[in-house]
Amino acid sequence: MDEAPSVVGRRGRRLGWRLLLVVGVLGLAAVAMLSRASGPPGAASSADKQPIIYAGTGTRTTPPFHLAGGTYRTLWSAWERAPEYPPCTHSAELMAVDAVNATASGGHVVDLARMVQVPATGASDESYVVNVKPGDYYLVVDSACAWQIAITPN
C-alpha cells in the first residue's frame, strides 16, 4: 500500500524551493546593480528608459511616480471585456503632484485620452508629452473599459 508523504518531507521540499527562490532573487538583484553601475559616466542607464506601466479596469487614480523631465512617449490601450459588449468610454490624464509642474490649474498636465468611445475590440493611441518638468506625477483614469497606460522617456 502506498503511503502519503509525511508532513516533514513536504515541508523540507518547500523549504528547498524557497531557498532556491531567495538565492535566485538575490542573484538577479546583484546583476541589476552591476549593470546599472556599468557604462560611461553621464550615460543614461537602460533602467532610466524603462516604461512606467499601469493597468486596471474602470476608474482609478494611480500612486505617484517620478519623471526626470524632458519628453515622454505615452501609449494607452483600452478594450471591453467581451466582443459582444457595446463600446466603452475612456479618459485618462497626467497630473502633477506639485502644481508648479502643471500646465493648468488643479495639477493638470495633459489629457492622454478624452471621452474616447472604445469599441469592444479595443483601441489605442500614442502621443508625446514634451517639456515635462522633473517631479512626481500620477494618472487619473476615468474609464468603463479595461486599460493599460505606458509612459516611456524618449
N, C-alpha and C. Protein backbone atom coordinates (compact mmCIF):
# COMPACT_ATOMS: atom_id res chain seq x y z
N MET A 1 0.84 -1.17 0.00
CA MET A 1 0.00 0.00 0.00
C MET A 1 0.89 1.24 0.00
N ASP A 2 0.55 2.18 -0.85
CA ASP A 2 1.32 3.43 -0.91
C ASP A 2 0.91 4.33 0.24
N GLU A 3 1.91 4.99 0.80
CA GLU A 3 1.64 5.92 1.88
C GLU A 3 1.85 7.35 1.40
N ALA A 4 1.06 8.25 1.94
CA ALA A 4 1.21 9.67 1.61
C ALA A 4 2.52 10.18 2.19
N PRO A 5 3.18 11.10 1.50
CA PRO A 5 4.42 11.64 2.05
C PRO A 5 4.16 12.32 3.38
N SER A 6 5.15 12.27 4.22
CA SER A 6 4.99 12.87 5.54
C SER A 6 5.02 14.39 5.45
N VAL A 7 4.49 15.03 6.47
CA VAL A 7 4.49 16.49 6.53
C VAL A 7 5.92 17.00 6.51
N VAL A 8 6.80 16.32 7.19
CA VAL A 8 8.20 16.74 7.23
C VAL A 8 8.80 16.70 5.83
N GLY A 9 8.49 15.69 5.06
CA GLY A 9 9.01 15.59 3.70
C GLY A 9 8.53 16.73 2.83
N ARG A 10 7.24 17.05 2.88
CA ARG A 10 6.70 18.15 2.08
C ARG A 10 7.28 19.49 2.54
N ARG A 11 7.39 19.66 3.83
CA ARG A 11 7.92 20.92 4.36
C ARG A 11 9.37 21.09 3.92
N GLY A 12 10.13 20.02 3.93
CA GLY A 12 11.53 20.08 3.50
C GLY A 12 11.65 20.46 2.04
N ARG A 13 10.78 19.91 1.19
CA ARG A 13 10.81 20.27 -0.23
C ARG A 13 10.43 21.73 -0.42
N ARG A 14 9.42 22.20 0.30
CA ARG A 14 9.02 23.61 0.19
C ARG A 14 10.17 24.52 0.62
N LEU A 15 10.83 24.17 1.69
CA LEU A 15 11.94 24.97 2.17
C LEU A 15 13.05 25.03 1.13
N GLY A 16 13.32 23.90 0.45
CA GLY A 16 14.34 23.88 -0.59
C GLY A 16 13.99 24.82 -1.74
N TRP A 17 12.74 24.82 -2.17
CA TRP A 17 12.31 25.72 -3.25
C TRP A 17 12.38 27.17 -2.82
N ARG A 18 12.02 27.43 -1.57
CA ARG A 18 12.09 28.81 -1.07
C ARG A 18 13.53 29.31 -1.04
N LEU A 19 14.42 28.46 -0.59
CA LEU A 19 15.83 28.82 -0.55
C LEU A 19 16.35 29.10 -1.96
N LEU A 20 15.98 28.24 -2.91
CA LEU A 20 16.39 28.43 -4.29
C LEU A 20 15.82 29.74 -4.84
N LEU A 21 14.58 30.05 -4.52
CA LEU A 21 13.95 31.29 -4.97
C LEU A 21 14.66 32.51 -4.39
N VAL A 22 14.98 32.48 -3.11
CA VAL A 22 15.67 33.61 -2.46
C VAL A 22 17.05 33.81 -3.09
N VAL A 23 17.79 32.73 -3.32
CA VAL A 23 19.11 32.84 -3.93
C VAL A 23 18.99 33.41 -5.34
N GLY A 24 17.98 32.96 -6.10
CA GLY A 24 17.77 33.48 -7.45
C GLY A 24 17.46 34.96 -7.46
N VAL A 25 16.58 35.40 -6.56
CA VAL A 25 16.22 36.81 -6.48
C VAL A 25 17.43 37.66 -6.10
N LEU A 26 18.20 37.19 -5.14
CA LEU A 26 19.41 37.93 -4.75
C LEU A 26 20.40 38.01 -5.91
N GLY A 27 20.53 36.93 -6.67
CA GLY A 27 21.41 36.94 -7.84
C GLY A 27 20.96 37.94 -8.88
N LEU A 28 19.65 37.99 -9.16
CA LEU A 28 19.13 38.96 -10.12
C LEU A 28 19.34 40.39 -9.63
N ALA A 29 19.15 40.61 -8.34
CA ALA A 29 19.37 41.95 -7.80
C ALA A 29 20.84 42.36 -7.96
N ALA A 30 21.76 41.44 -7.73
CA ALA A 30 23.18 41.75 -7.89
C ALA A 30 23.51 42.09 -9.34
N VAL A 31 22.96 41.31 -10.28
CA VAL A 31 23.20 41.58 -11.70
C VAL A 31 22.63 42.94 -12.07
N ALA A 32 21.44 43.27 -11.58
CA ALA A 32 20.82 44.57 -11.88
C ALA A 32 21.68 45.71 -11.35
N MET A 33 22.21 45.56 -10.14
CA MET A 33 23.04 46.62 -9.56
C MET A 33 24.34 46.78 -10.36
N LEU A 34 24.94 45.67 -10.77
CA LEU A 34 26.17 45.75 -11.54
C LEU A 34 25.92 46.37 -12.91
N SER A 35 24.82 46.03 -13.55
CA SER A 35 24.55 46.60 -14.89
C SER A 35 24.26 48.08 -14.80
N ARG A 36 23.66 48.54 -13.71
CA ARG A 36 23.41 49.97 -13.54
C ARG A 36 24.71 50.73 -13.35
N ALA A 37 25.67 50.10 -12.68
CA ALA A 37 26.93 50.77 -12.39
C ALA A 37 27.83 50.83 -13.62
N SER A 38 27.58 49.99 -14.64
CA SER A 38 28.45 49.97 -15.80
C SER A 38 28.03 51.04 -16.81
N GLY A 39 28.88 51.29 -17.78
CA GLY A 39 28.57 52.28 -18.82
C GLY A 39 29.35 53.55 -18.57
N PRO A 40 29.47 54.38 -19.62
CA PRO A 40 30.23 55.61 -19.47
C PRO A 40 29.55 56.59 -18.52
N PRO A 41 30.34 57.43 -17.84
CA PRO A 41 29.75 58.40 -16.93
C PRO A 41 28.79 59.32 -17.68
N GLY A 42 27.67 59.63 -17.05
CA GLY A 42 26.70 60.52 -17.65
C GLY A 42 25.74 59.85 -18.62
N ALA A 43 26.01 58.59 -18.98
CA ALA A 43 25.13 57.89 -19.91
C ALA A 43 23.90 57.40 -19.17
N ALA A 44 22.77 57.49 -19.84
CA ALA A 44 21.53 57.03 -19.23
C ALA A 44 21.54 55.51 -19.18
N SER A 45 21.19 54.96 -18.04
CA SER A 45 21.14 53.51 -17.94
C SER A 45 19.87 53.01 -18.59
N SER A 46 19.82 51.71 -18.89
CA SER A 46 18.62 51.15 -19.50
C SER A 46 17.44 51.24 -18.54
N ALA A 47 17.71 51.29 -17.23
CA ALA A 47 16.64 51.43 -16.25
C ALA A 47 15.97 52.79 -16.38
N ASP A 48 16.74 53.81 -16.80
CA ASP A 48 16.17 55.15 -16.99
C ASP A 48 15.21 55.19 -18.18
N LYS A 49 15.30 54.23 -19.08
CA LYS A 49 14.46 54.18 -20.27
C LYS A 49 13.29 53.22 -20.12
N GLN A 50 13.15 52.60 -18.96
CA GLN A 50 12.07 51.65 -18.74
C GLN A 50 10.73 52.38 -18.64
N PRO A 51 9.69 51.82 -19.25
CA PRO A 51 8.38 52.48 -19.15
C PRO A 51 7.77 52.34 -17.77
N ILE A 52 6.96 53.31 -17.43
CA ILE A 52 6.12 53.23 -16.24
C ILE A 52 4.78 52.73 -16.77
N ILE A 53 4.30 51.61 -16.24
CA ILE A 53 3.10 50.99 -16.78
C ILE A 53 2.08 50.79 -15.67
N TYR A 54 0.87 51.22 -15.94
CA TYR A 54 -0.26 50.97 -15.05
C TYR A 54 -1.37 50.33 -15.86
N ALA A 55 -2.10 49.43 -15.25
CA ALA A 55 -3.23 48.76 -15.91
C ALA A 55 -4.34 48.59 -14.89
N GLY A 56 -5.56 48.53 -15.39
CA GLY A 56 -6.69 48.35 -14.49
C GLY A 56 -7.98 48.24 -15.26
N THR A 57 -9.05 48.26 -14.52
CA THR A 57 -10.39 48.26 -15.09
C THR A 57 -11.18 49.33 -14.38
N GLY A 58 -11.85 50.17 -15.16
CA GLY A 58 -12.69 51.19 -14.57
C GLY A 58 -11.92 52.41 -14.12
N THR A 59 -12.53 53.20 -13.27
CA THR A 59 -11.98 54.47 -12.81
C THR A 59 -10.94 54.22 -11.71
N ARG A 60 -9.82 54.94 -11.83
CA ARG A 60 -8.74 54.72 -10.87
C ARG A 60 -7.76 55.89 -10.91
N THR A 61 -7.18 56.19 -9.76
CA THR A 61 -6.07 57.14 -9.65
C THR A 61 -4.85 56.35 -9.23
N THR A 62 -3.75 56.48 -9.99
CA THR A 62 -2.55 55.70 -9.70
C THR A 62 -1.77 56.32 -8.55
N PRO A 63 -0.89 55.55 -7.95
CA PRO A 63 0.04 56.13 -6.98
C PRO A 63 1.01 57.07 -7.72
N PRO A 64 1.59 58.03 -7.02
CA PRO A 64 2.55 58.93 -7.67
C PRO A 64 3.79 58.17 -8.16
N PHE A 65 4.37 58.67 -9.23
CA PHE A 65 5.62 58.15 -9.78
C PHE A 65 6.47 59.34 -10.20
N HIS A 66 7.77 59.13 -10.29
CA HIS A 66 8.70 60.23 -10.60
C HIS A 66 9.05 60.24 -12.08
N LEU A 67 9.04 61.43 -12.67
CA LEU A 67 9.55 61.63 -14.03
C LEU A 67 10.73 62.58 -13.93
N ALA A 68 11.83 62.24 -14.61
CA ALA A 68 13.06 63.01 -14.54
C ALA A 68 12.99 64.30 -15.35
N GLY A 69 11.99 64.44 -16.20
CA GLY A 69 11.85 65.62 -17.03
C GLY A 69 12.23 65.33 -18.48
N GLY A 70 11.76 66.18 -19.39
CA GLY A 70 12.06 66.01 -20.81
C GLY A 70 10.83 65.60 -21.59
N THR A 71 11.05 64.78 -22.61
CA THR A 71 9.98 64.31 -23.48
C THR A 71 9.66 62.85 -23.16
N TYR A 72 8.38 62.54 -23.12
CA TYR A 72 7.92 61.19 -22.82
C TYR A 72 6.94 60.71 -23.88
N ARG A 73 7.07 59.45 -24.26
CA ARG A 73 6.13 58.80 -25.17
C ARG A 73 5.05 58.16 -24.30
N THR A 74 3.80 58.42 -24.62
CA THR A 74 2.70 57.79 -23.89
C THR A 74 1.94 56.88 -24.85
N LEU A 75 1.51 55.75 -24.35
CA LEU A 75 0.73 54.80 -25.13
C LEU A 75 -0.36 54.24 -24.22
N TRP A 76 -1.60 54.49 -24.60
CA TRP A 76 -2.71 53.90 -23.85
C TRP A 76 -3.44 52.92 -24.75
N SER A 77 -3.97 51.89 -24.13
CA SER A 77 -4.81 50.90 -24.79
C SER A 77 -6.01 50.67 -23.90
N ALA A 78 -7.16 50.47 -24.52
CA ALA A 78 -8.37 50.17 -23.76
C ALA A 78 -9.20 49.17 -24.56
N TRP A 79 -9.98 48.35 -23.86
CA TRP A 79 -10.79 47.33 -24.51
C TRP A 79 -11.93 46.93 -23.60
N GLU A 80 -12.95 46.35 -24.18
CA GLU A 80 -14.10 45.87 -23.43
C GLU A 80 -13.86 44.42 -23.04
N ARG A 81 -14.62 43.92 -22.09
CA ARG A 81 -14.40 42.57 -21.55
C ARG A 81 -14.72 41.46 -22.54
N ALA A 82 -15.64 41.70 -23.46
CA ALA A 82 -16.01 40.68 -24.43
C ALA A 82 -16.50 41.34 -25.71
N PRO A 83 -16.35 40.69 -26.86
CA PRO A 83 -16.71 41.31 -28.14
C PRO A 83 -18.17 41.72 -28.26
N GLU A 84 -19.06 41.06 -27.54
CA GLU A 84 -20.48 41.38 -27.67
C GLU A 84 -20.89 42.62 -26.86
N TYR A 85 -20.01 43.17 -26.06
CA TYR A 85 -20.32 44.35 -25.27
C TYR A 85 -20.35 45.59 -26.15
N PRO A 86 -21.15 46.60 -25.77
CA PRO A 86 -21.15 47.87 -26.52
C PRO A 86 -19.86 48.64 -26.24
N PRO A 87 -19.57 49.68 -27.02
CA PRO A 87 -18.36 50.48 -26.77
C PRO A 87 -18.34 51.03 -25.35
N CYS A 88 -17.15 51.21 -24.83
CA CYS A 88 -16.98 51.82 -23.51
C CYS A 88 -16.29 53.16 -23.68
N THR A 89 -16.46 54.04 -22.70
CA THR A 89 -15.87 55.38 -22.75
C THR A 89 -14.60 55.39 -21.91
N HIS A 90 -13.54 56.01 -22.44
CA HIS A 90 -12.23 56.00 -21.79
C HIS A 90 -11.63 57.41 -21.79
N SER A 91 -11.20 57.86 -20.62
CA SER A 91 -10.47 59.12 -20.47
C SER A 91 -9.29 58.89 -19.54
N ALA A 92 -8.19 59.58 -19.79
CA ALA A 92 -7.02 59.48 -18.91
C ALA A 92 -6.25 60.79 -18.99
N GLU A 93 -5.75 61.24 -17.84
CA GLU A 93 -4.95 62.47 -17.82
C GLU A 93 -3.75 62.32 -16.90
N LEU A 94 -2.68 62.98 -17.29
CA LEU A 94 -1.46 63.04 -16.49
C LEU A 94 -1.57 64.25 -15.58
N MET A 95 -1.36 64.03 -14.28
CA MET A 95 -1.48 65.09 -13.28
C MET A 95 -0.15 65.24 -12.53
N ALA A 96 0.16 66.47 -12.13
CA ALA A 96 1.35 66.76 -11.35
C ALA A 96 0.98 66.81 -9.87
N VAL A 97 1.81 66.20 -9.04
CA VAL A 97 1.61 66.27 -7.59
C VAL A 97 1.80 67.71 -7.13
N ASP A 98 2.86 68.37 -7.63
CA ASP A 98 3.15 69.76 -7.30
C ASP A 98 2.59 70.65 -8.41
N ALA A 99 1.69 71.55 -8.08
CA ALA A 99 1.03 72.40 -9.07
C ALA A 99 2.02 73.22 -9.90
N VAL A 100 3.23 73.44 -9.39
CA VAL A 100 4.26 74.18 -10.13
C VAL A 100 4.61 73.45 -11.43
N ASN A 101 4.51 72.11 -11.44
CA ASN A 101 4.84 71.32 -12.62
C ASN A 101 3.66 71.15 -13.57
N ALA A 102 2.51 71.66 -13.22
CA ALA A 102 1.30 71.50 -14.03
C ALA A 102 1.27 72.53 -15.16
N THR A 103 0.47 72.26 -16.17
CA THR A 103 0.28 73.21 -17.27
C THR A 103 -1.04 73.94 -17.15
N ALA A 104 -1.90 73.49 -16.23
CA ALA A 104 -3.20 74.13 -15.99
C ALA A 104 -3.52 74.01 -14.50
N SER A 105 -4.58 74.67 -14.10
CA SER A 105 -4.95 74.65 -12.69
C SER A 105 -5.34 73.24 -12.25
N GLY A 106 -5.25 73.02 -10.97
CA GLY A 106 -5.63 71.72 -10.40
C GLY A 106 -4.61 70.63 -10.60
N GLY A 107 -3.43 70.94 -11.11
CA GLY A 107 -2.39 69.93 -11.29
C GLY A 107 -2.41 69.26 -12.66
N HIS A 108 -3.35 69.64 -13.53
CA HIS A 108 -3.46 69.03 -14.86
C HIS A 108 -2.22 69.30 -15.70
N VAL A 109 -1.70 68.24 -16.33
CA VAL A 109 -0.56 68.38 -17.24
C VAL A 109 -1.03 68.18 -18.69
N VAL A 110 -1.66 67.02 -18.96
CA VAL A 110 -2.12 66.75 -20.32
C VAL A 110 -3.17 65.64 -20.31
N ASP A 111 -4.13 65.74 -21.24
CA ASP A 111 -5.08 64.64 -21.45
C ASP A 111 -4.41 63.62 -22.36
N LEU A 112 -4.40 62.38 -21.94
CA LEU A 112 -3.90 61.30 -22.80
C LEU A 112 -5.04 60.75 -23.66
N ALA A 113 -6.24 60.76 -23.11
CA ALA A 113 -7.45 60.35 -23.82
C ALA A 113 -8.60 61.14 -23.21
N ARG A 114 -9.53 61.58 -24.05
CA ARG A 114 -10.65 62.37 -23.52
C ARG A 114 -11.95 61.88 -24.13
N MET A 115 -12.74 61.17 -23.32
CA MET A 115 -14.07 60.69 -23.72
C MET A 115 -14.03 59.89 -25.03
N VAL A 116 -13.05 59.01 -25.16
CA VAL A 116 -12.91 58.18 -26.35
C VAL A 116 -13.91 57.04 -26.27
N GLN A 117 -14.67 56.82 -27.35
CA GLN A 117 -15.59 55.68 -27.44
C GLN A 117 -14.78 54.50 -27.98
N VAL A 118 -14.51 53.54 -27.11
CA VAL A 118 -13.67 52.41 -27.45
C VAL A 118 -14.54 51.22 -27.83
N PRO A 119 -14.36 50.69 -29.05
CA PRO A 119 -15.14 49.51 -29.42
C PRO A 119 -14.72 48.31 -28.58
N ALA A 120 -15.55 47.31 -28.53
CA ALA A 120 -15.27 46.11 -27.72
C ALA A 120 -13.94 45.48 -28.11
N THR A 121 -13.56 45.60 -29.38
CA THR A 121 -12.30 45.00 -29.84
C THR A 121 -11.09 45.80 -29.40
N GLY A 122 -11.29 47.02 -28.89
CA GLY A 122 -10.20 47.80 -28.33
C GLY A 122 -9.74 48.95 -29.20
N ALA A 123 -8.97 49.82 -28.58
CA ALA A 123 -8.37 50.97 -29.26
C ALA A 123 -7.12 51.36 -28.51
N SER A 124 -6.25 52.10 -29.17
CA SER A 124 -5.05 52.61 -28.51
C SER A 124 -4.62 53.89 -29.20
N ASP A 125 -3.75 54.64 -28.52
CA ASP A 125 -3.23 55.87 -29.08
C ASP A 125 -1.86 56.14 -28.48
N GLU A 126 -0.98 56.64 -29.33
CA GLU A 126 0.36 57.00 -28.92
C GLU A 126 0.52 58.51 -29.08
N SER A 127 1.14 59.15 -28.11
CA SER A 127 1.42 60.58 -28.23
C SER A 127 2.70 60.90 -27.46
N TYR A 128 3.14 62.12 -27.58
CA TYR A 128 4.34 62.57 -26.88
C TYR A 128 4.01 63.76 -26.00
N VAL A 129 4.56 63.77 -24.80
CA VAL A 129 4.41 64.88 -23.88
C VAL A 129 5.80 65.52 -23.79
N VAL A 130 5.89 66.79 -24.18
CA VAL A 130 7.18 67.48 -24.23
C VAL A 130 7.31 68.46 -23.07
N ASN A 131 8.54 68.78 -22.77
CA ASN A 131 8.87 69.77 -21.73
C ASN A 131 8.29 69.41 -20.36
N VAL A 132 8.32 68.14 -20.03
CA VAL A 132 7.87 67.71 -18.71
C VAL A 132 8.92 68.15 -17.70
N LYS A 133 8.49 68.80 -16.64
CA LYS A 133 9.41 69.24 -15.59
C LYS A 133 9.70 68.07 -14.66
N PRO A 134 10.92 67.97 -14.12
CA PRO A 134 11.20 66.90 -13.16
C PRO A 134 10.27 67.00 -11.96
N GLY A 135 9.74 65.87 -11.54
CA GLY A 135 8.85 65.87 -10.38
C GLY A 135 8.01 64.62 -10.31
N ASP A 136 7.07 64.63 -9.39
CA ASP A 136 6.19 63.50 -9.18
C ASP A 136 4.86 63.74 -9.87
N TYR A 137 4.34 62.68 -10.48
CA TYR A 137 3.12 62.75 -11.26
C TYR A 137 2.25 61.54 -10.93
N TYR A 138 1.01 61.58 -11.40
CA TYR A 138 0.11 60.43 -11.27
C TYR A 138 -0.90 60.49 -12.42
N LEU A 139 -1.59 59.39 -12.63
CA LEU A 139 -2.60 59.30 -13.68
C LEU A 139 -3.98 59.26 -13.05
N VAL A 140 -4.92 59.95 -13.67
CA VAL A 140 -6.33 59.85 -13.30
C VAL A 140 -7.03 59.23 -14.51
N VAL A 141 -7.57 58.03 -14.31
CA VAL A 141 -8.24 57.31 -15.39
C VAL A 141 -9.72 57.22 -15.04
N ASP A 142 -10.55 57.69 -15.95
CA ASP A 142 -12.00 57.60 -15.79
C ASP A 142 -12.48 56.77 -16.97
N SER A 143 -12.71 55.50 -16.74
CA SER A 143 -12.95 54.58 -17.84
C SER A 143 -13.98 53.52 -17.46
N ALA A 144 -14.75 53.10 -18.44
CA ALA A 144 -15.64 51.97 -18.28
C ALA A 144 -15.01 50.73 -18.92
N CYS A 145 -13.76 50.85 -19.33
CA CYS A 145 -13.04 49.80 -20.05
C CYS A 145 -11.96 49.18 -19.16
N ALA A 146 -11.42 48.09 -19.64
CA ALA A 146 -10.13 47.61 -19.13
C ALA A 146 -9.08 48.43 -19.87
N TRP A 147 -7.95 48.75 -19.25
CA TRP A 147 -6.99 49.66 -19.86
C TRP A 147 -5.56 49.40 -19.40
N GLN A 148 -4.63 49.94 -20.17
CA GLN A 148 -3.21 49.95 -19.82
C GLN A 148 -2.60 51.23 -20.35
N ILE A 149 -1.74 51.86 -19.55
CA ILE A 149 -1.05 53.08 -19.97
C ILE A 149 0.43 52.92 -19.68
N ALA A 150 1.26 53.24 -20.69
CA ALA A 150 2.72 53.18 -20.55
C ALA A 150 3.28 54.57 -20.83
N ILE A 151 4.21 55.01 -19.98
CA ILE A 151 4.89 56.29 -20.15
C ILE A 151 6.40 55.97 -20.21
N THR A 152 7.03 56.33 -21.33
CA THR A 152 8.42 55.96 -21.55
C THR A 152 9.24 57.21 -21.88
N PRO A 153 10.39 57.39 -21.24
CA PRO A 153 11.27 58.51 -21.62
C PRO A 153 11.67 58.38 -23.08
N ASN A 154 11.69 59.49 -23.78
CA ASN A 154 12.03 59.45 -25.20
C ASN A 154 13.51 59.68 -25.40
